[in-house]
Amino acid sequence: RFTISRDNAKNTVYLQMNSLKPEDTAVYYCYLNVRSFDYWGQGTQVTV
């Protein structure tokens, strides 16, 4: 149902979410690992 992809030139990651279900409702956080350090986005709400 979901597909992750990445544009290296833009340092951007995408998550295409199809056939969404109510149980997919959550705050979604972006994650990045650089040289063993983890970084997190502020979160974006998805409500189904």
ModelCIF file with pLDDT and N, C-alpha, C, O atoms, coordinates in Angstrom:
data_MODEL
#
_entry.id   MODEL 
#
_entity.id                         1 
_entity.type                       polymer 
_entity.pdbx_number_of_molecules   1 
#
_entity_poly.entity_id                      1 
_entity_poly.type                           'polypeptide(L)' 
_entity_poly.nstd_linkage                   no 
_entity_poly.nstd_monomer                   no 
_entity_poly.pdbx_seq_one_letter_code       RFTISRDNAKNTVYLQMNSLKPEDTAVYYCYLNVRSFDYWGQGTQVTV 
_entity_poly.pdbx_seq_one_letter_code_can   RFTISRDNAKNTVYLQMNSLKPEDTAVYYCYLNVRSFDYWGQGTQVTV 
_entity_poly.pdbx_strand_id                 A 
#
loop_
_entity_poly_seq.entity_id 
_entity_poly_seq.num 
_entity_poly_seq.mon_id 
_entity_poly_seq.hetero 
1 1  ARG n 
1 2  PHE n 
1 3  THR n 
1 4  ILE n 
1 5  SER n 
1 6  ARG n 
1 7  ASP n 
1 8  ASN n 
1 9  ALA n 
1 10 LYS n 
1 11 ASN n 
1 12 THR n 
1 13 VAL n 
1 14 TYR n 
1 15 LEU n 
1 16 GLN n 
1 17 MET n 
1 18 ASN n 
1 19 SER n 
1 20 LEU n 
1 21 LYS n 
1 22 PRO n 
1 23 GLU n 
1 24 ASP n 
1 25 THR n 
1 26 ALA n 
1 27 VAL n 
1 28 TYR n 
1 29 TYR n 
1 30 CYS n 
1 31 TYR n 
1 32 LEU n 
1 33 ASN n 
1 34 VAL n 
1 35 ARG n 
1 36 SER n 
1 37 PHE n 
1 38 ASP n 
1 39 TYR n 
1 40 TRP n 
1 41 GLY n 
1 42 GLN n 
1 43 GLY n 
1 44 THR n 
1 45 GLN n 
1 46 VAL n 
1 47 THR n 
1 48 VAL n 
#
_struct_asym.id          A 
_struct_asym.entity_id   1 
#
loop_
_ma_qa_metric.id 
_ma_qa_metric.mode 
_ma_qa_metric.name 
_ma_qa_metric.software_group_id 
_ma_qa_metric.type 
1 global pLDDT . pLDDT 
2 local  pLDDT . pLDDT 
#
_ma_qa_metric_global.metric_id      1 
_ma_qa_metric_global.metric_value   95.96 
_ma_qa_metric_global.model_id       1 
_ma_qa_metric_global.ordinal_id     1 
#
loop_
_ma_qa_metric_local.label_asym_id 
_ma_qa_metric_local.label_comp_id 
_ma_qa_metric_local.label_seq_id 
_ma_qa_metric_local.metric_id 
_ma_qa_metric_local.metric_value 
_ma_qa_metric_local.model_id 
_ma_qa_metric_local.ordinal_id 
A ARG 1  2 98.00 1 1  
A PHE 2  2 98.00 1 2  
A THR 3  2 98.00 1 3  
A ILE 4  2 98.00 1 4  
A SER 5  2 97.00 1 5  
A ARG 6  2 95.00 1 6  
A ASP 7  2 93.00 1 7  
A ASN 8  2 90.00 1 8  
A ALA 9  2 90.00 1 9  
A LYS 10 2 93.00 1 10 
A ASN 11 2 93.00 1 11 
A THR 12 2 95.00 1 12 
A VAL 13 2 97.00 1 13 
A TYR 14 2 98.00 1 14 
A LEU 15 2 98.00 1 15 
A GLN 16 2 98.00 1 16 
A MET 17 2 98.00 1 17 
A ASN 18 2 98.00 1 18 
A SER 19 2 98.00 1 19 
A LEU 20 2 98.00 1 20 
A LYS 21 2 98.00 1 21 
A PRO 22 2 98.00 1 22 
A GLU 23 2 97.00 1 23 
A ASP 24 2 98.00 1 24 
A THR 25 2 98.00 1 25 
A ALA 26 2 98.00 1 26 
A VAL 27 2 98.00 1 27 
A TYR 28 2 98.00 1 28 
A TYR 29 2 98.00 1 29 
A CYS 30 2 98.00 1 30 
A TYR 31 2 97.00 1 31 
A LEU 32 2 96.00 1 32 
A ASN 33 2 94.00 1 33 
A VAL 34 2 91.00 1 34 
A ARG 35 2 87.00 1 35 
A SER 36 2 86.00 1 36 
A PHE 37 2 92.00 1 37 
A ASP 38 2 94.00 1 38 
A TYR 39 2 95.00 1 39 
A TRP 40 2 97.00 1 40 
A GLY 41 2 96.00 1 41 
A GLN 42 2 96.00 1 42 
A GLY 43 2 96.00 1 43 
A THR 44 2 97.00 1 44 
A GLN 45 2 98.00 1 45 
A VAL 46 2 98.00 1 46 
A THR 47 2 98.00 1 47 
A VAL 48 2 98.00 1 48 
#
loop_
_atom_site.group_PDB 
_atom_site.id 
_atom_site.type_symbol 
_atom_site.label_atom_id 
_atom_site.label_alt_id 
_atom_site.label_comp_id 
_atom_site.label_asym_id 
_atom_site.label_entity_id 
_atom_site.label_seq_id 
_atom_site.pdbx_PDB_ins_code 
_atom_site.Cartn_x 
_atom_site.Cartn_y 
_atom_site.Cartn_z 
_atom_site.occupancy 
_atom_site.B_iso_or_equiv 
_atom_site.pdbx_formal_charge 
_atom_site.auth_seq_id 
_atom_site.auth_comp_id 
_atom_site.auth_asym_id 
_atom_site.auth_atom_id 
_atom_site.pdbx_PDB_model_num 
ATOM 1   N N  . ARG A 1 1  ? 0.825   -1.219 0.000  1.00 98.00 ? 1  ARG A N  1 
ATOM 2   C CA . ARG A 1 1  ? 0.000   0.000  0.000  1.00 98.00 ? 1  ARG A CA 1 
ATOM 3   C C  . ARG A 1 1  ? 0.852   1.259  0.000  1.00 98.00 ? 1  ARG A C  1 
ATOM 4   O O  . ARG A 1 1  ? 0.484   2.254  -0.624 1.00 98.00 ? 1  ARG A O  1 
ATOM 5   N N  . PHE A 1 2  ? 1.981   1.229  0.690  1.00 98.00 ? 2  PHE A N  1 
ATOM 6   C CA . PHE A 1 2  ? 2.859   2.392  0.808  1.00 98.00 ? 2  PHE A CA 1 
ATOM 7   C C  . PHE A 1 2  ? 4.117   2.170  -0.018 1.00 98.00 ? 2  PHE A C  1 
ATOM 8   O O  . PHE A 1 2  ? 4.593   1.043  -0.153 1.00 98.00 ? 2  PHE A O  1 
ATOM 9   N N  . THR A 1 3  ? 4.648   3.253  -0.568 1.00 98.00 ? 3  THR A N  1 
ATOM 10  C CA . THR A 1 3  ? 5.897   3.200  -1.322 1.00 98.00 ? 3  THR A CA 1 
ATOM 11  C C  . THR A 1 3  ? 6.800   4.333  -0.884 1.00 98.00 ? 3  THR A C  1 
ATOM 12  O O  . THR A 1 3  ? 6.402   5.498  -0.892 1.00 98.00 ? 3  THR A O  1 
ATOM 13  N N  . ILE A 1 4  ? 8.019   3.986  -0.500 1.00 98.00 ? 4  ILE A N  1 
ATOM 14  C CA . ILE A 1 4  ? 9.007   4.994  -0.125 1.00 98.00 ? 4  ILE A CA 1 
ATOM 15  C C  . ILE A 1 4  ? 9.951   5.221  -1.296 1.00 98.00 ? 4  ILE A C  1 
ATOM 16  O O  . ILE A 1 4  ? 10.335  4.284  -1.995 1.00 98.00 ? 4  ILE A O  1 
ATOM 17  N N  . SER A 1 5  ? 10.317  6.487  -1.496 1.00 97.00 ? 5  SER A N  1 
ATOM 18  C CA . SER A 1 5  ? 11.271  6.814  -2.549 1.00 97.00 ? 5  SER A CA 1 
ATOM 19  C C  . SER A 1 5  ? 12.114  7.997  -2.095 1.00 97.00 ? 5  SER A C  1 
ATOM 20  O O  . SER A 1 5  ? 11.821  8.646  -1.091 1.00 97.00 ? 5  SER A O  1 
ATOM 21  N N  . ARG A 1 6  ? 13.153  8.256  -2.850 1.00 95.00 ? 6  ARG A N  1 
ATOM 22  C CA . ARG A 1 6  ? 14.115  9.276  -2.420 1.00 95.00 ? 6  ARG A CA 1 
ATOM 23  C C  . ARG A 1 6  ? 14.680  10.004 -3.625 1.00 95.00 ? 6  ARG A C  1 
ATOM 24  O O  . ARG A 1 6  ? 14.980  9.392  -4.650 1.00 95.00 ? 6  ARG A O  1 
ATOM 25  N N  . ASP A 1 7  ? 14.822  11.308 -3.494 1.00 93.00 ? 7  ASP A N  1 
ATOM 26  C CA . ASP A 1 7  ? 15.486  12.136 -4.499 1.00 93.00 ? 7  ASP A CA 1 
ATOM 27  C C  . ASP A 1 7  ? 16.782  12.602 -3.870 1.00 93.00 ? 7  ASP A C  1 
ATOM 28  O O  . ASP A 1 7  ? 16.787  13.525 -3.056 1.00 93.00 ? 7  ASP A O  1 
ATOM 29  N N  . ASN A 1 8  ? 17.887  11.966 -4.246 1.00 90.00 ? 8  ASN A N  1 
ATOM 30  C CA . ASN A 1 8  ? 19.171  12.281 -3.617 1.00 90.00 ? 8  ASN A CA 1 
ATOM 31  C C  . ASN A 1 8  ? 19.618  13.709 -3.898 1.00 90.00 ? 8  ASN A C  1 
ATOM 32  O O  . ASN A 1 8  ? 20.227  14.350 -3.042 1.00 90.00 ? 8  ASN A O  1 
ATOM 33  N N  . ALA A 1 9  ? 19.324  14.198 -5.069 1.00 90.00 ? 9  ALA A N  1 
ATOM 34  C CA . ALA A 1 9  ? 19.744  15.556 -5.433 1.00 90.00 ? 9  ALA A CA 1 
ATOM 35  C C  . ALA A 1 9  ? 19.059  16.607 -4.560 1.00 90.00 ? 9  ALA A C  1 
ATOM 36  O O  . ALA A 1 9  ? 19.606  17.684 -4.324 1.00 90.00 ? 9  ALA A O  1 
ATOM 37  N N  . LYS A 1 10 ? 17.858  16.281 -4.085 1.00 93.00 ? 10 LYS A N  1 
ATOM 38  C CA . LYS A 1 10 ? 17.097  17.230 -3.266 1.00 93.00 ? 10 LYS A CA 1 
ATOM 39  C C  . LYS A 1 10 ? 17.126  16.861 -1.788 1.00 93.00 ? 10 LYS A C  1 
ATOM 40  O O  . LYS A 1 10 ? 16.521  17.547 -0.964 1.00 93.00 ? 10 LYS A O  1 
ATOM 41  N N  . ASN A 1 11 ? 17.828  15.779 -1.446 1.00 93.00 ? 11 ASN A N  1 
ATOM 42  C CA . ASN A 1 11 ? 17.839  15.293 -0.049 1.00 93.00 ? 11 ASN A CA 1 
ATOM 43  C C  . ASN A 1 11 ? 16.419  15.154 0.493  1.00 93.00 ? 11 ASN A C  1 
ATOM 44  O O  . ASN A 1 11 ? 16.123  15.539 1.624  1.00 93.00 ? 11 ASN A O  1 
ATOM 45  N N  . THR A 1 12 ? 15.568  14.604 -0.333 1.00 95.00 ? 12 THR A N  1 
ATOM 46  C CA . THR A 1 12 ? 14.157  14.501 -0.001 1.00 95.00 ? 12 THR A CA 1 
ATOM 47  C C  . THR A 1 12 ? 13.712  13.047 -0.061 1.00 95.00 ? 12 THR A C  1 
ATOM 48  O O  . THR A 1 12 ? 14.092  12.296 -0.960 1.00 95.00 ? 12 THR A O  1 
ATOM 49  N N  . VAL A 1 13 ? 12.898  12.671 0.917  1.00 97.00 ? 13 VAL A N  1 
ATOM 50  C CA . VAL A 1 13 ? 12.305  11.343 0.933  1.00 97.00 ? 13 VAL A CA 1 
ATOM 51  C C  . VAL A 1 13 ? 10.789  11.501 0.874  1.00 97.00 ? 13 VAL A C  1 
ATOM 52  O O  . VAL A 1 13 ? 10.216  12.419 1.460  1.00 97.00 ? 13 VAL A O  1 
ATOM 53  N N  . TYR A 1 14 ? 10.159  10.581 0.151  1.00 98.00 ? 14 TYR A N  1 
ATOM 54  C CA . TYR A 1 14 ? 8.711   10.623 -0.039 1.00 98.00 ? 14 TYR A CA 1 
ATOM 55  C C  . TYR A 1 14 ? 8.087   9.334  0.491  1.00 98.00 ? 14 TYR A C  1 
ATOM 56  O O  . TYR A 1 14 ? 8.722   8.280  0.521  1.00 98.00 ? 14 TYR A O  1 
ATOM 57  N N  . LEU A 1 15 ? 6.847   9.445  0.902  1.00 98.00 ? 15 LEU A N  1 
ATOM 58  C CA . LEU A 1 15 ? 6.073   8.263  1.256  1.00 98.00 ? 15 LEU A CA 1 
ATOM 59  C C  . LEU A 1 15 ? 4.720   8.378  0.567  1.00 98.00 ? 15 LEU A C  1 
ATOM 60  O O  . LEU A 1 15 ? 3.875   9.180  0.962  1.00 98.00 ? 15 LEU A O  1 
ATOM 61  N N  . GLN A 1 16 ? 4.529   7.576  -0.454 1.00 98.00 ? 16 GLN A N  1 
ATOM 62  C CA . GLN A 1 16 ? 3.247   7.516  -1.133 1.00 98.00 ? 16 GLN A CA 1 
ATOM 63  C C  . GLN A 1 16 ? 2.375   6.499  -0.413 1.00 98.00 ? 16 GLN A C  1 
ATOM 64  O O  . GLN A 1 16 ? 2.725   5.323  -0.308 1.00 98.00 ? 16 GLN A O  1 
ATOM 65  N N  . MET A 1 17 ? 1.243   6.964  0.077  1.00 98.00 ? 17 MET A N  1 
ATOM 66  C CA . MET A 1 17 ? 0.354   6.108  0.867  1.00 98.00 ? 17 MET A CA 1 
ATOM 67  C C  . MET A 1 17 ? -0.962  5.937  0.118  1.00 98.00 ? 17 MET A C  1 
ATOM 68  O O  . MET A 1 17 ? -1.698  6.902  -0.088 1.00 98.00 ? 17 MET A O  1 
ATOM 69  N N  . ASN A 1 18 ? -1.250  4.714  -0.284 1.00 98.00 ? 18 ASN A N  1 
ATOM 70  C CA . ASN A 1 18 ? -2.477  4.399  -0.993 1.00 98.00 ? 18 ASN A CA 1 
ATOM 71  C C  . ASN A 1 18 ? -3.344  3.459  -0.161 1.00 98.00 ? 18 ASN A C  1 
ATOM 72  O O  . ASN A 1 18 ? -2.875  2.844  0.797  1.00 98.00 ? 18 ASN A O  1 
ATOM 73  N N  . SER A 1 19 ? -4.590  3.361  -0.536 1.00 98.00 ? 19 SER A N  1 
ATOM 74  C CA . SER A 1 19 ? -5.535  2.463  0.156  1.00 98.00 ? 19 SER A CA 1 
ATOM 75  C C  . SER A 1 19 ? -5.468  2.659  1.667  1.00 98.00 ? 19 SER A C  1 
ATOM 76  O O  . SER A 1 19 ? -5.369  1.701  2.433  1.00 98.00 ? 19 SER A O  1 
ATOM 77  N N  . LEU A 1 20 ? -5.523  3.903  2.066  1.00 98.00 ? 20 LEU A N  1 
ATOM 78  C CA . LEU A 1 20 ? -5.381  4.219  3.488  1.00 98.00 ? 20 LEU A CA 1 
ATOM 79  C C  . LEU A 1 20 ? -6.531  3.662  4.306  1.00 98.00 ? 20 LEU A C  1 
ATOM 80  O O  . LEU A 1 20 ? -7.675  3.603  3.856  1.00 98.00 ? 20 LEU A O  1 
ATOM 81  N N  . LYS A 1 21 ? -6.193  3.255  5.521  1.00 98.00 ? 21 LYS A N  1 
ATOM 82  C CA . LYS A 1 21 ? -7.158  2.673  6.445  1.00 98.00 ? 21 LYS A CA 1 
ATOM 83  C C  . LYS A 1 21 ? -7.223  3.522  7.717  1.00 98.00 ? 21 LYS A C  1 
ATOM 84  O O  . LYS A 1 21 ? -6.278  4.249  8.022  1.00 98.00 ? 21 LYS A O  1 
ATOM 85  N N  . PRO A 1 22 ? -8.314  3.437  8.450  1.00 98.00 ? 22 PRO A N  1 
ATOM 86  C CA . PRO A 1 22 ? -8.391  4.198  9.702  1.00 98.00 ? 22 PRO A CA 1 
ATOM 87  C C  . PRO A 1 22 ? -7.235  3.886  10.650 1.00 98.00 ? 22 PRO A C  1 
ATOM 88  O O  . PRO A 1 22 ? -6.801  4.760  11.401 1.00 98.00 ? 22 PRO A O  1 
ATOM 89  N N  . GLU A 1 23 ? -6.735  2.662  10.626 1.00 97.00 ? 23 GLU A N  1 
ATOM 90  C CA . GLU A 1 23 ? -5.621  2.297  11.508 1.00 97.00 ? 23 GLU A CA 1 
ATOM 91  C C  . GLU A 1 23 ? -4.295  2.907  11.079 1.00 97.00 ? 23 GLU A C  1 
ATOM 92  O O  . GLU A 1 23 ? -3.297  2.765  11.786 1.00 97.00 ? 23 GLU A O  1 
ATOM 93  N N  . ASP A 1 24 ? -4.264  3.578  9.945  1.00 98.00 ? 24 ASP A N  1 
ATOM 94  C CA . ASP A 1 24 ? -3.064  4.316  9.541  1.00 98.00 ? 24 ASP A CA 1 
ATOM 95  C C  . ASP A 1 24 ? -3.008  5.699  10.183 1.00 98.00 ? 24 ASP A C  1 
ATOM 96  O O  . ASP A 1 24 ? -2.011  6.409  10.051 1.00 98.00 ? 24 ASP A O  1 
ATOM 97  N N  . THR A 1 25 ? -4.068  6.076  10.871 1.00 98.00 ? 25 THR A N  1 
ATOM 98  C CA . THR A 1 25 ? -4.100  7.376  11.542 1.00 98.00 ? 25 THR A CA 1 
ATOM 99  C C  . THR A 1 25 ? -3.000  7.461  12.588 1.00 98.00 ? 25 THR A C  1 
ATOM 100 O O  . THR A 1 25 ? -2.907  6.614  13.476 1.00 98.00 ? 25 THR A O  1 
ATOM 101 N N  . ALA A 1 26 ? -2.171  8.489  12.477 1.00 98.00 ? 26 ALA A N  1 
ATOM 102 C CA . ALA A 1 26 ? -1.033  8.653  13.383 1.00 98.00 ? 26 ALA A CA 1 
ATOM 103 C C  . ALA A 1 26 ? -0.311  9.952  13.034 1.00 98.00 ? 26 ALA A C  1 
ATOM 104 O O  . ALA A 1 26 ? -0.591  10.599 12.025 1.00 98.00 ? 26 ALA A O  1 
ATOM 105 N N  . VAL A 1 27 ? 0.623   10.304 13.904 1.00 98.00 ? 27 VAL A N  1 
ATOM 106 C CA . VAL A 1 27 ? 1.592   11.343 13.548 1.00 98.00 ? 27 VAL A CA 1 
ATOM 107 C C  . VAL A 1 27 ? 2.756   10.637 12.872 1.00 98.00 ? 27 VAL A C  1 
ATOM 108 O O  . VAL A 1 27 ? 3.331   9.695  13.417 1.00 98.00 ? 27 VAL A O  1 
ATOM 109 N N  . TYR A 1 28 ? 3.091   11.104 11.684 1.00 98.00 ? 28 TYR A N  1 
ATOM 110 C CA . TYR A 1 28 ? 4.177   10.502 10.909 1.00 98.00 ? 28 TYR A CA 1 
ATOM 111 C C  . TYR A 1 28 ? 5.433   11.365 11.043 1.00 98.00 ? 28 TYR A C  1 
ATOM 112 O O  . TYR A 1 28 ? 5.400   12.578 10.841 1.00 98.00 ? 28 TYR A O  1 
ATOM 113 N N  . TYR A 1 29 ? 6.537   10.705 11.388 1.00 98.00 ? 29 TYR A N  1 
ATOM 114 C CA . TYR A 1 29 ? 7.798   11.397 11.616 1.00 98.00 ? 29 TYR A CA 1 
ATOM 115 C C  . TYR A 1 29 ? 8.814   10.990 10.556 1.00 98.00 ? 29 TYR A C  1 
ATOM 116 O O  . TYR A 1 29 ? 8.995   9.808  10.265 1.00 98.00 ? 29 TYR A O  1 
ATOM 117 N N  . CYS A 1 30 ? 9.460   11.979 9.999  1.00 98.00 ? 30 CYS A N  1 
ATOM 118 C CA . CYS A 1 30 ? 10.563  11.730 9.087  1.00 98.00 ? 30 CYS A CA 1 
ATOM 119 C C  . CYS A 1 30 ? 11.799  11.353 9.895  1.00 98.00 ? 30 CYS A C  1 
ATOM 120 O O  . CYS A 1 30 ? 12.005  11.848 11.003 1.00 98.00 ? 30 CYS A O  1 
ATOM 121 N N  . TYR A 1 31 ? 12.603  10.486 9.336  1.00 97.00 ? 31 TYR A N  1 
ATOM 122 C CA . TYR A 1 31 ? 13.801  9.970  10.016 1.00 97.00 ? 31 TYR A CA 1 
ATOM 123 C C  . TYR A 1 31 ? 14.993  10.052 9.066  1.00 97.00 ? 31 TYR A C  1 
ATOM 124 O O  . TYR A 1 31 ? 14.888  9.798  7.866  1.00 97.00 ? 31 TYR A O  1 
ATOM 125 N N  . LEU A 1 32 ? 16.129  10.416 9.655  1.00 96.00 ? 32 LEU A N  1 
ATOM 126 C CA . LEU A 1 32 ? 17.363  10.511 8.880  1.00 96.00 ? 32 LEU A CA 1 
ATOM 127 C C  . LEU A 1 32 ? 18.507  9.971  9.732  1.00 96.00 ? 32 LEU A C  1 
ATOM 128 O O  . LEU A 1 32 ? 18.633  10.316 10.907 1.00 96.00 ? 32 LEU A O  1 
ATOM 129 N N  . ASN A 1 33 ? 19.327  9.135  9.140  1.00 94.00 ? 33 ASN A N  1 
ATOM 130 C CA . ASN A 1 33 ? 20.532  8.653  9.811  1.00 94.00 ? 33 ASN A CA 1 
ATOM 131 C C  . ASN A 1 33 ? 21.742  9.095  9.011  1.00 94.00 ? 33 ASN A C  1 
ATOM 132 O O  . ASN A 1 33 ? 21.912  8.728  7.848  1.00 94.00 ? 33 ASN A O  1 
ATOM 133 N N  . VAL A 1 34 ? 22.578  9.894  9.661  1.00 91.00 ? 34 VAL A N  1 
ATOM 134 C CA . VAL A 1 34 ? 23.800  10.398 9.038  1.00 91.00 ? 34 VAL A CA 1 
ATOM 135 C C  . VAL A 1 34 ? 24.957  10.077 9.965  1.00 91.00 ? 34 VAL A C  1 
ATOM 136 O O  . VAL A 1 34 ? 25.000  10.531 11.108 1.00 91.00 ? 34 VAL A O  1 
ATOM 137 N N  . ARG A 1 35 ? 25.885  9.297  9.462  1.00 87.00 ? 35 ARG A N  1 
ATOM 138 C CA . ARG A 1 35 ? 27.076  8.941  10.244 1.00 87.00 ? 35 ARG A CA 1 
ATOM 139 C C  . ARG A 1 35 ? 26.703  8.435  11.627 1.00 87.00 ? 35 ARG A C  1 
ATOM 140 O O  . ARG A 1 35 ? 27.307  8.828  12.625 1.00 87.00 ? 35 ARG A O  1 
ATOM 141 N N  . SER A 1 36 ? 25.703  7.561  11.681 1.00 86.00 ? 36 SER A N  1 
ATOM 142 C CA . SER A 1 36 ? 25.248  6.893  12.903 1.00 86.00 ? 36 SER A CA 1 
ATOM 143 C C  . SER A 1 36 ? 24.470  7.790  13.852 1.00 86.00 ? 36 SER A C  1 
ATOM 144 O O  . SER A 1 36 ? 24.112  7.361  14.949 1.00 86.00 ? 36 SER A O  1 
ATOM 145 N N  . PHE A 1 37 ? 24.203  9.027  13.450 1.00 92.00 ? 37 PHE A N  1 
ATOM 146 C CA . PHE A 1 37 ? 23.358  9.909  14.254 1.00 92.00 ? 37 PHE A CA 1 
ATOM 147 C C  . PHE A 1 37 ? 21.946  9.902  13.669 1.00 92.00 ? 37 PHE A C  1 
ATOM 148 O O  . PHE A 1 37 ? 21.760  9.949  12.454 1.00 92.00 ? 37 PHE A O  1 
ATOM 149 N N  . ASP A 1 38 ? 20.958  9.842  14.563 1.00 94.00 ? 38 ASP A N  1 
ATOM 150 C CA . ASP A 1 38 ? 19.559  9.855  14.152 1.00 94.00 ? 38 ASP A CA 1 
ATOM 151 C C  . ASP A 1 38 ? 18.976  11.261 14.296 1.00 94.00 ? 38 ASP A C  1 
ATOM 152 O O  . ASP A 1 38 ? 19.228  11.958 15.279 1.00 94.00 ? 38 ASP A O  1 
ATOM 153 N N  . TYR A 1 39 ? 18.199  11.657 13.302 1.00 95.00 ? 39 TYR A N  1 
ATOM 154 C CA . TYR A 1 39 ? 17.510  12.945 13.326 1.00 95.00 ? 39 TYR A CA 1 
ATOM 155 C C  . TYR A 1 39 ? 16.036  12.697 13.014 1.00 95.00 ? 39 TYR A C  1 
ATOM 156 O O  . TYR A 1 39 ? 15.675  11.771 12.288 1.00 95.00 ? 39 TYR A O  1 
ATOM 157 N N  . TRP A 1 40 ? 15.191  13.572 13.599 1.00 97.00 ? 40 TRP A N  1 
ATOM 158 C CA . TRP A 1 40 ? 13.742  13.413 13.459 1.00 97.00 ? 40 TRP A CA 1 
ATOM 159 C C  . TRP A 1 40 ? 13.095  14.714 13.024 1.00 97.00 ? 40 TRP A C  1 
ATOM 160 O O  . TRP A 1 40 ? 13.525  15.802 13.409 1.00 97.00 ? 40 TRP A O  1 
ATOM 161 N N  . GLY A 1 41 ? 12.064  14.584 12.225 1.00 96.00 ? 41 GLY A N  1 
ATOM 162 C CA . GLY A 1 41 ? 11.243  15.736 11.882 1.00 96.00 ? 41 GLY A CA 1 
ATOM 163 C C  . GLY A 1 41 ? 10.270  16.035 13.004 1.00 96.00 ? 41 GLY A C  1 
ATOM 164 O O  . GLY A 1 41 ? 10.211  15.325 14.008 1.00 96.00 ? 41 GLY A O  1 
ATOM 165 N N  . GLN A 1 42 ? 9.506   17.102 12.812 1.00 96.00 ? 42 GLN A N  1 
ATOM 166 C CA . GLN A 1 42 ? 8.583   17.544 13.861 1.00 96.00 ? 42 GLN A CA 1 
ATOM 167 C C  . GLN A 1 42 ? 7.283   16.736 13.864 1.00 96.00 ? 42 GLN A C  1 
ATOM 168 O O  . GLN A 1 42 ? 6.519   16.788 14.827 1.00 96.00 ? 42 GLN A O  1 
ATOM 169 N N  . GLY A 1 43 ? 7.039   16.001 12.798 1.00 96.00 ? 43 GLY A N  1 
ATOM 170 C CA . GLY A 1 43 ? 5.839   15.180 12.724 1.00 96.00 ? 43 GLY A CA 1 
ATOM 171 C C  . GLY A 1 43 ? 4.733   15.854 11.936 1.00 96.00 ? 43 GLY A C  1 
ATOM 172 O O  . GLY A 1 43 ? 4.560   17.071 11.994 1.00 96.00 ? 43 GLY A O  1 
ATOM 173 N N  . THR A 1 44 ? 3.992   15.048 11.204 1.00 97.00 ? 44 THR A N  1 
ATOM 174 C CA . THR A 1 44 ? 2.837   15.543 10.460 1.00 97.00 ? 44 THR A CA 1 
ATOM 175 C C  . THR A 1 44 ? 1.672   14.586 10.682 1.00 97.00 ? 44 THR A C  1 
ATOM 176 O O  . THR A 1 44 ? 1.827   13.367 10.599 1.00 97.00 ? 44 THR A O  1 
ATOM 177 N N  . GLN A 1 45 ? 0.516   15.149 10.962 1.00 98.00 ? 45 GLN A N  1 
ATOM 178 C CA . GLN A 1 45 ? -0.650  14.334 11.300 1.00 98.00 ? 45 GLN A CA 1 
ATOM 179 C C  . GLN A 1 45 ? -1.304  13.778 10.040 1.00 98.00 ? 45 GLN A C  1 
ATOM 180 O O  . GLN A 1 45 ? -1.548  14.503 9.076  1.00 98.00 ? 45 GLN A O  1 
ATOM 181 N N  . VAL A 1 46 ? -1.578  12.492 10.067 1.00 98.00 ? 46 VAL A N  1 
ATOM 182 C CA . VAL A 1 46 ? -2.370  11.834 9.031  1.00 98.00 ? 46 VAL A CA 1 
ATOM 183 C C  . VAL A 1 46 ? -3.593  11.243 9.708  1.00 98.00 ? 46 VAL A C  1 
ATOM 184 O O  . VAL A 1 46 ? -3.478  10.436 10.630 1.00 98.00 ? 46 VAL A O  1 
ATOM 185 N N  . THR A 1 47 ? -4.752  11.648 9.248  1.00 98.00 ? 47 THR A N  1 
ATOM 186 C CA . THR A 1 47 ? -6.007  11.148 9.813  1.00 98.00 ? 47 THR A CA 1 
ATOM 187 C C  . THR A 1 47 ? -6.828  10.517 8.702  1.00 98.00 ? 47 THR A C  1 
ATOM 188 O O  . THR A 1 47 ? -7.119  11.152 7.688  1.00 98.00 ? 47 THR A O  1 
ATOM 189 N N  . VAL A 1 48 ? -7.198  9.263  8.906  1.00 98.00 ? 48 VAL A N  1 
ATOM 190 C CA . VAL A 1 48 ? -8.004  8.537  7.922  1.00 98.00 ? 48 VAL A CA 1 
ATOM 191 C C  . VAL A 1 48 ? -9.372  8.296  8.547  1.00 98.00 ? 48 VAL A C  1 
ATOM 192 O O  . VAL A 1 48 ? -10.243 7.698  7.915  1.00 98.00 ? 48 VAL A O  1 
#
